[in-house]
Amino acid sequence: MTLEFHHGALCVSYEEQANAQGFTFGYMAEWVEKVGYGLVCAHIHGCITDGEYDKILRRFQTKILLKNIKPLESEGRDDERTSINRSYSRVS
């Protein structure tokens, strides 16, 4: 299974993106949104370069998003985090 998250100022929230794919961040949803928002703001205002932003997004995807995501209860799935492939899309 491949999860895909879009990053950018005009993208829907990470929780909405996860829910559309059958997953949730649960109680961590607000925290994940704040961290993602901070990264996008730092890039928009020129605090980090494009290369740094791409590197940070890959790390954010691995260390934050995929470690805190869980299947939705209504899906009736077991914990599939070990079989999730990483995919991300940067929206400028």
PDB file of N, CA and C in Angstrom:
ATOM      1  N   MET A   1       0.830  -1.176   0.000  1.00  0.00           N
ATOM      2  CA  MET A   1       0.000   0.000   0.000  1.00  0.00           C
ATOM      3  C   MET A   1       0.876   1.242   0.000  1.00  0.00           C
ATOM      4  N   THR A   2       0.516   2.206  -0.796  1.00  0.00           N
ATOM      5  CA  THR A   2       1.262   3.455  -0.868  1.00  0.00           C
ATOM      6  C   THR A   2       0.384   4.594  -0.362  1.00  0.00           C
ATOM      7  N   LEU A   3       0.885   5.320   0.618  1.00  0.00           N
ATOM      8  CA  LEU A   3       0.212   6.525   1.093  1.00  0.00           C
ATOM      9  C   LEU A   3       0.879   7.717   0.447  1.00  0.00           C
ATOM     10  N   GLU A   4       0.069   8.691   0.056  1.00  0.00           N
ATOM     11  CA  GLU A   4       0.614   9.878  -0.574  1.00  0.00           C
ATOM     12  C   GLU A   4       0.108  11.099   0.169  1.00  0.00           C
ATOM     13  N   PHE A   5       1.037  11.984   0.516  1.00  0.00           N
ATOM     14  CA  PHE A   5       0.694  13.227   1.186  1.00  0.00           C
ATOM     15  C   PHE A   5       1.211  14.394   0.358  1.00  0.00           C
ATOM     16  N   HIS A   6       0.374  15.424   0.236  1.00  0.00           N
ATOM     17  CA  HIS A   6       0.752  16.639  -0.475  1.00  0.00           C
ATOM     18  C   HIS A   6       1.066  17.708   0.563  1.00  0.00           C
ATOM     19  N   HIS A   7       2.156  18.425   0.336  1.00  0.00           N
ATOM     20  CA  HIS A   7       2.610  19.457   1.257  1.00  0.00           C
ATOM     21  C   HIS A   7       2.535  20.807   0.560  1.00  0.00           C
ATOM     22  N   GLY A   8       1.980  21.785   1.222  1.00  0.00           N
ATOM     23  CA  GLY A   8       1.905  23.122   0.651  1.00  0.00           C
ATOM     24  C   GLY A   8       0.854  23.952   1.358  1.00  0.00           C
ATOM     25  N   ALA A   9       0.932  25.242   1.133  1.00  0.00           N
ATOM     26  CA  ALA A   9       0.033  26.175   1.812  1.00  0.00           C
ATOM     27  C   ALA A   9      -1.430  25.967   1.412  1.00  0.00           C
ATOM     28  N   LEU A  10      -1.685  25.514   0.195  1.00  0.00           N
ATOM     29  CA  LEU A  10      -3.060  25.374  -0.275  1.00  0.00           C
ATOM     30  C   LEU A  10      -3.578  23.937  -0.219  1.00  0.00           C
ATOM     31  N   CYS A  11      -2.815  23.034   0.330  1.00  0.00           N
ATOM     32  CA  CYS A  11      -3.235  21.633   0.426  1.00  0.00           C
ATOM     33  C   CYS A  11      -4.179  21.425   1.605  1.00  0.00           C
ATOM     34  N   VAL A  12      -5.040  20.430   1.482  1.00  0.00           N
ATOM     35  CA  VAL A  12      -5.917  20.098   2.601  1.00  0.00           C
ATOM     36  C   VAL A  12      -5.072  19.542   3.745  1.00  0.00           C
ATOM     37  N   SER A  13      -5.654  19.464   4.924  1.00  0.00           N
ATOM     38  CA  SER A  13      -4.908  19.032   6.112  1.00  0.00           C
ATOM     39  C   SER A  13      -4.407  17.602   5.955  1.00  0.00           C
ATOM     40  N   TYR A  14      -3.357  17.285   6.697  1.00  0.00           N
ATOM     41  CA  TYR A  14      -2.805  15.936   6.671  1.00  0.00           C
ATOM     42  C   TYR A  14      -3.834  14.919   7.168  1.00  0.00           C
ATOM     43  N   GLU A  15      -4.631  15.309   8.138  1.00  0.00           N
ATOM     44  CA  GLU A  15      -5.666  14.405   8.664  1.00  0.00           C
ATOM     45  C   GLU A  15      -6.692  14.082   7.580  1.00  0.00           C
ATOM     46  N   GLU A  16      -7.117  15.098   6.819  1.00  0.00           N
ATOM     47  CA  GLU A  16      -8.072  14.858   5.730  1.00  0.00           C
ATOM     48  C   GLU A  16      -7.462  13.958   4.662  1.00  0.00           C
ATOM     49  N   GLN A  17      -6.188  14.183   4.349  1.00  0.00           N
ATOM     50  CA  GLN A  17      -5.512  13.344   3.362  1.00  0.00           C
ATOM     51  C   GLN A  17      -5.408  11.905   3.865  1.00  0.00           C
ATOM     52  N   ALA A  18      -5.085  11.743   5.143  1.00  0.00           N
ATOM     53  CA  ALA A  18      -4.984  10.399   5.724  1.00  0.00           C
ATOM     54  C   ALA A  18      -6.350   9.721   5.748  1.00  0.00           C
ATOM     55  N   ASN A  19      -7.397  10.445   6.153  1.00  0.00           N
ATOM     56  CA  ASN A  19      -8.744   9.878   6.210  1.00  0.00           C
ATOM     57  C   ASN A  19      -9.210   9.406   4.838  1.00  0.00           C
ATOM     58  N   ALA A  20      -8.884  10.170   3.792  1.00  0.00           N
ATOM     59  CA  ALA A  20      -9.274   9.796   2.432  1.00  0.00           C
ATOM     60  C   ALA A  20      -8.611   8.483   2.004  1.00  0.00           C
ATOM     61  N   GLN A  21      -7.498   8.135   2.657  1.00  0.00           N
ATOM     62  CA  GLN A  21      -6.768   6.917   2.322  1.00  0.00           C
ATOM     63  C   GLN A  21      -7.020   5.794   3.344  1.00  0.00           C
ATOM     64  N   GLY A  22      -7.967   6.047   4.287  1.00  0.00           N
ATOM     65  CA  GLY A  22      -8.349   5.022   5.252  1.00  0.00           C
ATOM     66  C   GLY A  22      -7.502   5.009   6.516  1.00  0.00           C
ATOM     67  N   PHE A  23      -6.860   6.115   6.845  1.00  0.00           N
ATOM     68  CA  PHE A  23      -5.997   6.196   8.021  1.00  0.00           C
ATOM     69  C   PHE A  23      -6.312   7.450   8.827  1.00  0.00           C
ATOM     70  N   THR A  24      -5.719   7.550  10.018  1.00  0.00           N
ATOM     71  CA  THR A  24      -5.895   8.714  10.864  1.00  0.00           C
ATOM     72  C   THR A  24      -4.631   8.951  11.693  1.00  0.00           C
ATOM     73  N   PHE A  25      -4.470  10.182  12.167  1.00  0.00           N
ATOM     74  CA  PHE A  25      -3.386  10.505  13.092  1.00  0.00           C
ATOM     75  C   PHE A  25      -3.882  10.530  14.534  1.00  0.00           C
ATOM     76  N   GLY A  26      -5.184  10.382  14.722  1.00  0.00           N
ATOM     77  CA  GLY A  26      -5.753  10.334  16.060  1.00  0.00           C
ATOM     78  C   GLY A  26      -5.468  11.607  16.843  1.00  0.00           C
ATOM     79  N   TYR A  27      -5.063  11.429  18.096  1.00  0.00           N
ATOM     80  CA  TYR A  27      -4.813  12.586  18.961  1.00  0.00           C
ATOM     81  C   TYR A  27      -3.601  13.407  18.512  1.00  0.00           C
ATOM     82  N   MET A  28      -2.778  12.888  17.622  1.00  0.00           N
ATOM     83  CA  MET A  28      -1.593  13.598  17.131  1.00  0.00           C
ATOM     84  C   MET A  28      -1.905  14.512  15.948  1.00  0.00           C
ATOM     85  N   ALA A  29      -3.141  14.510  15.461  1.00  0.00           N
ATOM     86  CA  ALA A  29      -3.501  15.241  14.242  1.00  0.00           C
ATOM     87  C   ALA A  29      -3.173  16.732  14.333  1.00  0.00           C
ATOM     88  N   GLU A  30      -3.537  17.370  15.427  1.00  0.00           N
ATOM     89  CA  GLU A  30      -3.295  18.813  15.561  1.00  0.00           C
ATOM     90  C   GLU A  30      -1.803  19.115  15.586  1.00  0.00           C
ATOM     91  N   TRP A  31      -1.043  18.301  16.294  1.00  0.00           N
ATOM     92  CA  TRP A  31       0.407  18.493  16.380  1.00  0.00           C
ATOM     93  C   TRP A  31       1.064  18.327  15.009  1.00  0.00           C
ATOM     94  N   VAL A  32       0.645  17.305  14.269  1.00  0.00           N
ATOM     95  CA  VAL A  32       1.183  17.066  12.926  1.00  0.00           C
ATOM     96  C   VAL A  32       0.900  18.268  12.032  1.00  0.00           C
ATOM     97  N   GLU A  33      -0.297  18.821  12.116  1.00  0.00           N
ATOM     98  CA  GLU A  33      -0.659  19.998  11.319  1.00  0.00           C
ATOM     99  C   GLU A  33       0.226  21.195  11.661  1.00  0.00           C
ATOM    100  N   LYS A  34       0.476  21.405  12.938  1.00  0.00           N
ATOM    101  CA  LYS A  34       1.301  22.540  13.348  1.00  0.00           C
ATOM    102  C   LYS A  34       2.740  22.416  12.859  1.00  0.00           C
ATOM    103  N   VAL A  35       3.293  21.224  12.949  1.00  0.00           N
ATOM    104  CA  VAL A  35       4.664  21.003  12.472  1.00  0.00           C
ATOM    105  C   VAL A  35       4.721  21.213  10.959  1.00  0.00           C
ATOM    106  N   GLY A  36       3.773  20.638  10.222  1.00  0.00           N
ATOM    107  CA  GLY A  36       3.724  20.815   8.771  1.00  0.00           C
ATOM    108  C   GLY A  36       3.556  22.265   8.369  1.00  0.00           C
ATOM    109  N   TYR A  37       2.706  22.992   9.086  1.00  0.00           N
ATOM    110  CA  TYR A  37       2.488  24.405   8.812  1.00  0.00           C
ATOM    111  C   TYR A  37       3.777  25.204   9.022  1.00  0.00           C
ATOM    112  N   GLY A  38       4.503  24.870  10.071  1.00  0.00           N
ATOM    113  CA  GLY A  38       5.766  25.552  10.342  1.00  0.00           C
ATOM    114  C   GLY A  38       6.780  25.335   9.234  1.00  0.00           C
ATOM    115  N   LEU A  39       6.842  24.116   8.714  1.00  0.00           N
ATOM    116  CA  LEU A  39       7.769  23.821   7.622  1.00  0.00           C
ATOM    117  C   LEU A  39       7.410  24.611   6.369  1.00  0.00           C
ATOM    118  N   VAL A  40       6.126  24.635   6.031  1.00  0.00           N
ATOM    119  CA  VAL A  40       5.676  25.364   4.848  1.00  0.00           C
ATOM    120  C   VAL A  40       5.960  26.858   5.006  1.00  0.00           C
ATOM    121  N   CYS A  41       5.688  27.416   6.174  1.00  0.00           N
ATOM    122  CA  CYS A  41       5.943  28.845   6.419  1.00  0.00           C
ATOM    123  C   CYS A  41       7.430  29.176   6.309  1.00  0.00           C
ATOM    124  N   ALA A  42       8.273  28.311   6.860  1.00  0.00           N
ATOM    125  CA  ALA A  42       9.719  28.537   6.787  1.00  0.00           C
ATOM    126  C   ALA A  42      10.187  28.565   5.337  1.00  0.00           C
ATOM    127  N   HIS A  43       9.622  27.727   4.513  1.00  0.00           N
ATOM    128  CA  HIS A  43       9.997  27.703   3.103  1.00  0.00           C
ATOM    129  C   HIS A  43       9.456  28.916   2.362  1.00  0.00           C
ATOM    130  N   ILE A  44       8.194  29.247   2.585  1.00  0.00           N
ATOM    131  CA  ILE A  44       7.571  30.380   1.898  1.00  0.00           C
ATOM    132  C   ILE A  44       8.316  31.681   2.200  1.00  0.00           C
ATOM    133  N   HIS A  45       8.752  31.859   3.417  1.00  0.00           N
ATOM    134  CA  HIS A  45       9.407  33.103   3.824  1.00  0.00           C
ATOM    135  C   HIS A  45      10.914  33.085   3.612  1.00  0.00           C
ATOM    136  N   GLY A  46      11.423  32.054   2.949  1.00  0.00           N
ATOM    137  CA  GLY A  46      12.822  32.017   2.570  1.00  0.00           C
ATOM    138  C   GLY A  46      13.798  31.653   3.676  1.00  0.00           C
ATOM    139  N   CYS A  47      13.310  31.083   4.749  1.00  0.00           N
ATOM    140  CA  CYS A  47      14.196  30.681   5.853  1.00  0.00           C
ATOM    141  C   CYS A  47      14.988  29.426   5.512  1.00  0.00           C
ATOM    142  N   ILE A  48      14.462  28.614   4.607  1.00  0.00           N
ATOM    143  CA  ILE A  48      15.165  27.407   4.161  1.00  0.00           C
ATOM    144  C   ILE A  48      15.126  27.361   2.631  1.00  0.00           C
ATOM    145  N   THR A  49      16.147  26.777   2.050  1.00  0.00           N
ATOM    146  CA  THR A  49      16.237  26.681   0.590  1.00  0.00           C
ATOM    147  C   THR A  49      15.339  25.560   0.074  1.00  0.00           C
ATOM    148  N   ASP A  50      15.183  25.508  -1.248  1.00  0.00           N
ATOM    149  CA  ASP A  50      14.382  24.442  -1.856  1.00  0.00           C
ATOM    150  C   ASP A  50      14.960  23.070  -1.546  1.00  0.00           C
ATOM    151  N   GLY A  51      16.272  22.939  -1.628  1.00  0.00           N
ATOM    152  CA  GLY A  51      16.916  21.661  -1.331  1.00  0.00           C
ATOM    153  C   GLY A  51      16.713  21.242   0.115  1.00  0.00           C
ATOM    154  N   GLU A  52      16.847  22.201   1.036  1.00  0.00           N
ATOM    155  CA  GLU A  52      16.620  21.910   2.451  1.00  0.00           C
ATOM    156  C   GLU A  52      15.165  21.518   2.687  1.00  0.00           C
ATOM    157  N   TYR A  53      14.259  22.203   2.012  1.00  0.00           N
ATOM    158  CA  TYR A  53      12.833  21.922   2.162  1.00  0.00           C
ATOM    159  C   TYR A  53      12.511  20.496   1.708  1.00  0.00           C
ATOM    160  N   ASP A  54      13.051  20.096   0.554  1.00  0.00           N
ATOM    161  CA  ASP A  54      12.817  18.732   0.074  1.00  0.00           C
ATOM    162  C   ASP A  54      13.367  17.702   1.059  1.00  0.00           C
ATOM    163  N   LYS A  55      14.554  17.948   1.576  1.00  0.00           N
ATOM    164  CA  LYS A  55      15.166  17.026   2.540  1.00  0.00           C
ATOM    165  C   LYS A  55      14.325  16.952   3.822  1.00  0.00           C
ATOM    166  N   ILE A  56      13.875  18.104   4.295  1.00  0.00           N
ATOM    167  CA  ILE A  56      13.052  18.155   5.505  1.00  0.00           C
ATOM    168  C   ILE A  56      11.713  17.452   5.284  1.00  0.00           C
ATOM    169  N   LEU A  57      11.103  17.635   4.119  1.00  0.00           N
ATOM    170  CA  LEU A  57       9.823  16.974   3.836  1.00  0.00           C
ATOM    171  C   LEU A  57       9.970  15.461   3.814  1.00  0.00           C
ATOM    172  N   ARG A  58      11.059  14.960   3.240  1.00  0.00           N
ATOM    173  CA  ARG A  58      11.280  13.510   3.250  1.00  0.00           C
ATOM    174  C   ARG A  58      11.421  12.999   4.682  1.00  0.00           C
ATOM    175  N   ARG A  59      12.145  13.746   5.500  1.00  0.00           N
ATOM    176  CA  ARG A  59      12.321  13.343   6.902  1.00  0.00           C
ATOM    177  C   ARG A  59      10.997  13.471   7.665  1.00  0.00           C
ATOM    178  N   PHE A  60      10.252  14.548   7.432  1.00  0.00           N
ATOM    179  CA  PHE A  60       8.944  14.757   8.053  1.00  0.00           C
ATOM    180  C   PHE A  60       8.011  13.595   7.696  1.00  0.00           C
ATOM    181  N   GLN A  61       8.037  13.195   6.428  1.00  0.00           N
ATOM    182  CA  GLN A  61       7.203  12.086   5.974  1.00  0.00           C
ATOM    183  C   GLN A  61       7.534  10.811   6.747  1.00  0.00           C
ATOM    184  N   THR A  62       8.818  10.523   6.896  1.00  0.00           N
ATOM    185  CA  THR A  62       9.249   9.281   7.540  1.00  0.00           C
ATOM    186  C   THR A  62       9.117   9.329   9.054  1.00  0.00           C
ATOM    187  N   LYS A  63       9.648  10.362   9.660  1.00  0.00           N
ATOM    188  CA  LYS A  63       9.742  10.431  11.122  1.00  0.00           C
ATOM    189  C   LYS A  63       8.451  10.872  11.799  1.00  0.00           C
ATOM    190  N   ILE A  64       7.645  11.685  11.132  1.00  0.00           N
ATOM    191  CA  ILE A  64       6.435  12.224  11.764  1.00  0.00           C
ATOM    192  C   ILE A  64       5.174  11.561  11.204  1.00  0.00           C
ATOM    193  N   LEU A  65       4.954  11.684   9.912  1.00  0.00           N
ATOM    194  CA  LEU A  65       3.697  11.202   9.344  1.00  0.00           C
ATOM    195  C   LEU A  65       3.542   9.693   9.467  1.00  0.00           C
ATOM    196  N   LEU A  66       4.505   8.932   8.977  1.00  0.00           N
ATOM    197  CA  LEU A  66       4.341   7.483   8.938  1.00  0.00           C
ATOM    198  C   LEU A  66       4.477   6.807  10.293  1.00  0.00           C
ATOM    199  N   LYS A  67       5.132   7.455  11.250  1.00  0.00           N
ATOM    200  CA  LYS A  67       5.241   6.856  12.583  1.00  0.00           C
ATOM    201  C   LYS A  67       4.000   7.106  13.435  1.00  0.00           C
ATOM    202  N   ASN A  68       3.196   8.087  13.066  1.00  0.00           N
ATOM    203  CA  ASN A  68       2.023   8.438  13.872  1.00  0.00           C
ATOM    204  C   ASN A  68       0.699   8.066  13.219  1.00  0.00           C
ATOM    205  N   ILE A  69       0.728   7.454  12.061  1.00  0.00           N
ATOM    206  CA  ILE A  69      -0.508   7.137  11.351  1.00  0.00           C
ATOM    207  C   ILE A  69      -1.021   5.756  11.772  1.00  0.00           C
ATOM    208  N   LYS A  70      -2.349   5.649  11.842  1.00  0.00           N
ATOM    209  CA  LYS A  70      -2.991   4.390  12.231  1.00  0.00           C
ATOM    210  C   LYS A  70      -4.178   4.155  11.309  1.00  0.00           C
ATOM    211  N   PRO A  71      -4.529   2.907  11.054  1.00  0.00           N
ATOM    212  CA  PRO A  71      -5.723   2.624  10.249  1.00  0.00           C
ATOM    213  C   PRO A  71      -6.981   3.134  10.954  1.00  0.00           C
ATOM    214  N   LEU A  72      -7.946   3.575  10.180  1.00  0.00           N
ATOM    215  CA  LEU A  72      -9.232   3.973  10.752  1.00  0.00           C
ATOM    216  C   LEU A  72      -9.901   2.748  11.349  1.00  0.00           C
ATOM    217  N   GLU A  73     -10.592   2.931  12.444  1.00  0.00           N
ATOM    218  CA  GLU A  73     -11.274   1.819  13.124  1.00  0.00           C
ATOM    219  C   GLU A  73     -12.307   1.168  12.227  1.00  0.00           C
ATOM    220  N   SER A  74     -13.009   1.959  11.437  1.00  0.00           N
ATOM    221  CA  SER A  74     -14.083   1.424  10.608  1.00  0.00           C
ATOM    222  C   SER A  74     -13.569   0.522   9.489  1.00  0.00           C
ATOM    223  N   GLU A  75     -12.292   0.620   9.181  1.00  0.00           N
ATOM    224  CA  GLU A  75     -11.726  -0.196   8.114  1.00  0.00           C
ATOM    225  C   GLU A  75     -11.522  -1.641   8.550  1.00  0.00           C
ATOM    226  N   GLY A  76     -11.370  -1.889   9.861  1.00  0.00           N
ATOM    227  CA  GLY A  76     -11.195  -3.233  10.357  1.00  0.00           C
ATOM    228  C   GLY A  76      -9.881  -3.876   9.959  1.00  0.00           C
ATOM    229  N   ARG A  77      -8.845  -3.078   9.754  1.00  0.00           N
ATOM    230  CA  ARG A  77      -7.545  -3.594   9.350  1.00  0.00           C
ATOM    231  C   ARG A  77      -6.643  -3.806  10.551  1.00  0.00           C
ATOM    232  N   ASP A  78      -5.638  -4.639  10.384  1.00  0.00           N
ATOM    233  CA  ASP A  78      -4.582  -4.750  11.376  1.00  0.00           C
ATOM    234  C   ASP A  78      -3.621  -3.590  11.153  1.00  0.00           C
ATOM    235  N   ASP A  79      -2.659  -3.447  12.044  1.00  0.00           N
ATOM    236  CA  ASP A  79      -1.662  -2.392  11.910  1.00  0.00           C
ATOM    237  C   ASP A  79      -0.790  -2.678  10.691  1.00  0.00           C
ATOM    238  N   GLU A  80      -0.901  -1.827   9.662  1.00  0.00           N
ATOM    239  CA  GLU A  80      -0.190  -2.045   8.410  1.00  0.00           C
ATOM    240  C   GLU A  80       0.992  -1.111   8.229  1.00  0.00           C
ATOM    241  N   ARG A  81       1.426  -0.430   9.270  1.00  0.00           N
ATOM    242  CA  ARG A  81       2.475   0.569   9.113  1.00  0.00           C
ATOM    243  C   ARG A  81       3.762  -0.003   8.544  1.00  0.00           C
ATOM    244  N   THR A  82       4.050  -1.257   8.778  1.00  0.00           N
ATOM    245  CA  THR A  82       5.298  -1.825   8.287  1.00  0.00           C
ATOM    246  C   THR A  82       5.276  -2.035   6.782  1.00  0.00           C
ATOM    247  N   SER A  83       4.095  -2.116   6.172  1.00  0.00           N
ATOM    248  CA  SER A  83       4.021  -2.378   4.742  1.00  0.00           C
ATOM    249  C   SER A  83       3.675  -1.140   3.921  1.00  0.00           C
ATOM    250  N   ILE A  84       3.681   0.040   4.511  1.00  0.00           N
ATOM    251  CA  ILE A  84       3.331   1.266   3.804  1.00  0.00           C
ATOM    252  C   ILE A  84       4.556   1.799   3.074  1.00  0.00           C
ATOM    253  N   ASN A  85       4.408   2.080   1.794  1.00  0.00           N
ATOM    254  CA  ASN A  85       5.467   2.707   1.014  1.00  0.00           C
ATOM    255  C   ASN A  85       5.350   4.223   1.144  1.00  0.00           C
ATOM    256  N   ARG A  86       6.483   4.898   1.120  1.00  0.00           N
ATOM    257  CA  ARG A  86       6.479   6.341   1.253  1.00  0.00           C
ATOM    258  C   ARG A  86       6.323   7.004  -0.115  1.00  0.00           C
ATOM    259  N   SER A  87       5.505   8.036  -0.155  1.00  0.00           N
ATOM    260  CA  SER A  87       5.337   8.836  -1.338  1.00  0.00           C
ATOM    261  C   SER A  87       4.952  10.231  -0.897  1.00  0.00           C
ATOM    262  N   TYR A  88       5.597  11.225  -1.453  1.00  0.00           N
ATOM    263  CA  TYR A  88       5.193  12.577  -1.090  1.00  0.00           C
ATOM    264  C   TYR A  88       5.236  13.473  -2.316  1.00  0.00           C
ATOM    265  N   SER A  89       4.468  14.500  -2.246  1.00  0.00           N
ATOM    266  CA  SER A  89       4.383  15.448  -3.340  1.00  0.00           C
ATOM    267  C   SER A  89       4.468  16.851  -2.770  1.00  0.00           C
ATOM    268  N   ARG A  90       5.394  17.619  -3.291  1.00  0.00           N
ATOM    269  CA  ARG A  90       5.565  18.991  -2.836  1.00  0.00           C
ATOM    270  C   ARG A  90       4.773  19.898  -3.769  1.00  0.00           C
ATOM    271  N   VAL A  91       3.910  20.692  -3.201  1.00  0.00           N
ATOM    272  CA  VAL A  91       3.115  21.628  -3.967  1.00  0.00           C
ATOM    273  C   VAL A  91       3.617  23.032  -3.654  1.00  0.00           C
ATOM    274  N   SER A  92       4.067  23.735  -4.659  1.00  0.00           N
ATOM    275  CA  SER A  92       4.597  25.095  -4.438  1.00  0.00           C
ATOM    276  C   SER A  92       3.554  26.136  -4.704  1.00  0.00           C
TER     277      SER A  92
END
